[in-house]
Amino acid sequence: MKNMNYWMLHIALFCVSLGVTGMVPATAEEPAPVERPPLVVALDGSGQYRSIQEAVDAAKKGDTILIRPGAYPEDVTIHSKENVRLIGAGMDQVTILGRERVGVFHIGKWPYGATNIEISGITVNEHGGHAMGMFNGRGIHFHHARVKGMLFTQQVEDVRIEDCDIGGSETTGIQFANSQAVMRGNFIHDNDHGVSVAGKSTVRLERNVITKSLFEAVIVNDQAQAILVGNTFVKNGGGAAFLGTSQNEASGNIVSLNTYGFVVGASSRVHFSYNAMQNSGSNYLRSGTPNQPAPELKPDSDLTVDPRFVDSARDDFRLRADTSLVKIGEFPYLGALPPLSASR
């Protein structure tokens, strides 16, 4: 018995010396980090800050800034920040007016960027021809907001612009330069050009309505790549122009009630499929001075048909229940907005 106890003791000591986990009590798990309360901005002093910029400067990684209703007479810059959310009370309740510089709201600035920034629930006014700029950043989510003027991006990656109202620019509504972005569910209106994609940008436009552009709803240039899927381009100078050496796809769009439809440059490449075309001039053009009709560009899958909008005179571009633009190819419906009888 003594020999047995002796060997059991030595075996236990040997196991401990080897670090056998079953012989060592488990350590307690570290407590989860405590979520910090939001930083609140209010003009009347009911929050911690009276200005948005003060709250942005104080924000740390993971912070949320809440903006209470009001018109804020300031310029705002978010740079050298990571994982910060800026949430306004609503685009009809929070307006950033600007003060001195060109461009009222900047995300990132040279040489500093910003990473994983979310912004929503605000209106940004233009100043000096620009309203909002995104520079040298990554992971920017801008949604449920309004921009009165141009939104400009340069060398930003993983940008999402969703469910926004962007219009009133004397040049371009949204301009992408050497950027990677997705635009989804936006209403873009009353600009010279709706969207410009330039440089080496890669941009996907999906389910957007672009209307009342003086020139094209979308222009793609240089070495850019654009994918246009399920958009409605209506009542513009033109639908889309694909120029330079750009590489593009246009599928499932409604291009209607414009002066002309698609313009294709000599060195650009476009794959067309399942678009609904009905414009006062040519639906397909080769770029030139002037542009030349090019009916040979029409693929078999494209349609020439009245989309049957609910009320185009009043800018209601939803499809009527009797539209023929349902179950076309892989699309449940063409264009940005579903028929009245269909659900999203």
Foldseek 3Di string as FASTA:
>chain_A
DVVVVVVVVVVLVVCVVVVPVVSPDDDDDDDDDDQDDAFEEDCVPPTPHPAPQVSLVPDAAQHEYEYEFDEAAAAHEHWPHENYEYEYPAQVGAEDEHHDDFERYEAYDPPTHYEQYEYERHEFEGDPQHTYEHEQYENYEYERHEYQGAYEYENYENYEYEHYEFENGAAERYEYANYEYEYAHYEFEHYQEHYEYDHAYEYEYALYEYEHHAAEPYEYEAAYEYEYFQAEYAHYQEHYEYYYQYEYEHEQAETEAHQEYYEYEPNYYYHYAQYEDYYVDYHYWYVDVHTHHDPVPDDPRYHDDDQQAPDVVVPRREGAPPGPQAPRDPHRGGHNHYYPVDDD
